[in-house]
């Protein structure tokens, strides 16, 4: 069985609807998320 890493995770930005888009991108970068869904 393979291990799931942060490279395998995709994030939706719906939780950040009340924040500027740049804040969302900065947050994802800080968390090490490389793939996002817009």
N, C-alpha and C. Protein backbone atom coordinates (compact mmCIF):
# COMPACT_ATOMS: atom_id res chain seq x y z
N UNK A 1 0.85 -1.18 0.00
CA UNK A 1 0.00 0.00 0.00
C UNK A 1 0.89 1.24 0.00
N UNK A 2 0.57 2.20 -0.86
CA UNK A 2 1.39 3.41 -0.95
C UNK A 2 0.96 4.43 0.11
N UNK A 3 1.88 5.31 0.42
CA UNK A 3 1.64 6.36 1.40
C UNK A 3 1.13 7.61 0.69
N UNK A 4 0.10 8.23 1.24
CA UNK A 4 -0.43 9.48 0.69
C UNK A 4 0.42 10.63 1.22
N UNK A 5 0.89 11.48 0.33
CA UNK A 5 1.69 12.64 0.70
C UNK A 5 0.93 13.92 0.34
N UNK A 6 1.46 15.05 0.75
CA UNK A 6 0.82 16.33 0.43
C UNK A 6 0.78 16.57 -1.08
N UNK A 7 1.64 15.93 -1.84
CA UNK A 7 1.60 16.06 -3.31
C UNK A 7 0.37 15.39 -3.89
N UNK A 8 -0.24 14.49 -3.13
CA UNK A 8 -1.43 13.77 -3.59
C UNK A 8 -2.73 14.45 -3.19
N UNK A 9 -2.65 15.56 -2.48
CA UNK A 9 -3.82 16.25 -1.95
C UNK A 9 -4.18 17.43 -2.86
N UNK A 10 -5.45 17.56 -3.14
CA UNK A 10 -5.95 18.72 -3.87
C UNK A 10 -6.90 19.48 -2.95
N UNK A 11 -6.82 20.79 -2.96
CA UNK A 11 -7.60 21.62 -2.04
C UNK A 11 -8.56 22.50 -2.83
N UNK A 12 -9.77 22.61 -2.33
CA UNK A 12 -10.74 23.54 -2.91
C UNK A 12 -10.71 24.84 -2.12
N UNK A 13 -10.88 25.95 -2.78
CA UNK A 13 -10.81 27.25 -2.15
C UNK A 13 -12.11 27.74 -1.52
N UNK A 14 -13.12 26.88 -1.41
CA UNK A 14 -14.41 27.35 -0.90
C UNK A 14 -14.35 27.82 0.54
N UNK A 15 -13.42 27.32 1.31
CA UNK A 15 -13.29 27.76 2.70
C UNK A 15 -12.74 29.18 2.81
N UNK A 16 -12.17 29.66 1.73
CA UNK A 16 -11.53 30.97 1.73
C UNK A 16 -12.33 32.00 0.96
N UNK A 17 -13.62 31.78 0.78
CA UNK A 17 -14.44 32.65 -0.06
C UNK A 17 -14.46 34.10 0.45
N UNK A 18 -14.27 34.31 1.74
CA UNK A 18 -14.31 35.66 2.31
C UNK A 18 -12.92 36.30 2.44
N UNK A 19 -11.92 35.68 1.86
CA UNK A 19 -10.55 36.19 1.92
C UNK A 19 -10.06 36.53 0.52
N UNK A 20 -9.08 37.41 0.42
CA UNK A 20 -8.50 37.70 -0.90
C UNK A 20 -7.83 36.46 -1.48
N UNK A 21 -7.84 36.36 -2.80
CA UNK A 21 -7.25 35.21 -3.47
C UNK A 21 -5.78 35.04 -3.12
N UNK A 22 -5.06 36.15 -2.97
CA UNK A 22 -3.64 36.09 -2.62
C UNK A 22 -3.43 35.43 -1.25
N UNK A 23 -4.34 35.69 -0.32
CA UNK A 23 -4.26 35.07 1.00
C UNK A 23 -4.41 33.55 0.88
N UNK A 24 -5.35 33.12 0.05
CA UNK A 24 -5.54 31.70 -0.19
C UNK A 24 -4.27 31.07 -0.76
N UNK A 25 -3.69 31.70 -1.77
CA UNK A 25 -2.47 31.15 -2.38
C UNK A 25 -1.33 31.12 -1.38
N UNK A 26 -1.17 32.17 -0.60
CA UNK A 26 -0.12 32.20 0.42
C UNK A 26 -0.32 31.11 1.46
N UNK A 27 -1.56 30.88 1.86
CA UNK A 27 -1.87 29.83 2.83
C UNK A 27 -1.52 28.46 2.29
N UNK A 28 -1.85 28.21 1.03
CA UNK A 28 -1.55 26.92 0.42
C UNK A 28 -0.04 26.71 0.32
N UNK A 29 0.69 27.77 -0.02
CA UNK A 29 2.15 27.67 -0.11
C UNK A 29 2.75 27.36 1.25
N UNK A 30 2.26 28.00 2.30
CA UNK A 30 2.76 27.75 3.65
C UNK A 30 2.50 26.32 4.10
N UNK A 31 1.38 25.76 3.66
CA UNK A 31 1.02 24.39 4.03
C UNK A 31 1.72 23.35 3.17
N UNK A 32 2.40 23.80 2.13
CA UNK A 32 3.10 22.87 1.24
C UNK A 32 2.20 22.21 0.22
N UNK A 33 1.02 22.78 0.00
CA UNK A 33 0.08 22.25 -0.98
C UNK A 33 0.50 22.74 -2.36
N UNK A 34 0.68 21.83 -3.28
CA UNK A 34 1.14 22.19 -4.63
C UNK A 34 0.04 22.21 -5.65
N UNK A 35 -1.11 21.60 -5.34
CA UNK A 35 -2.21 21.54 -6.30
C UNK A 35 -3.47 22.09 -5.65
N UNK A 36 -4.14 22.98 -6.36
CA UNK A 36 -5.39 23.55 -5.85
C UNK A 36 -6.45 23.45 -6.94
N UNK A 37 -7.71 23.47 -6.52
CA UNK A 37 -8.81 23.47 -7.46
C UNK A 37 -9.48 24.83 -7.40
N UNK A 38 -9.63 25.43 -8.54
CA UNK A 38 -10.27 26.75 -8.61
C UNK A 38 -11.66 26.65 -9.16
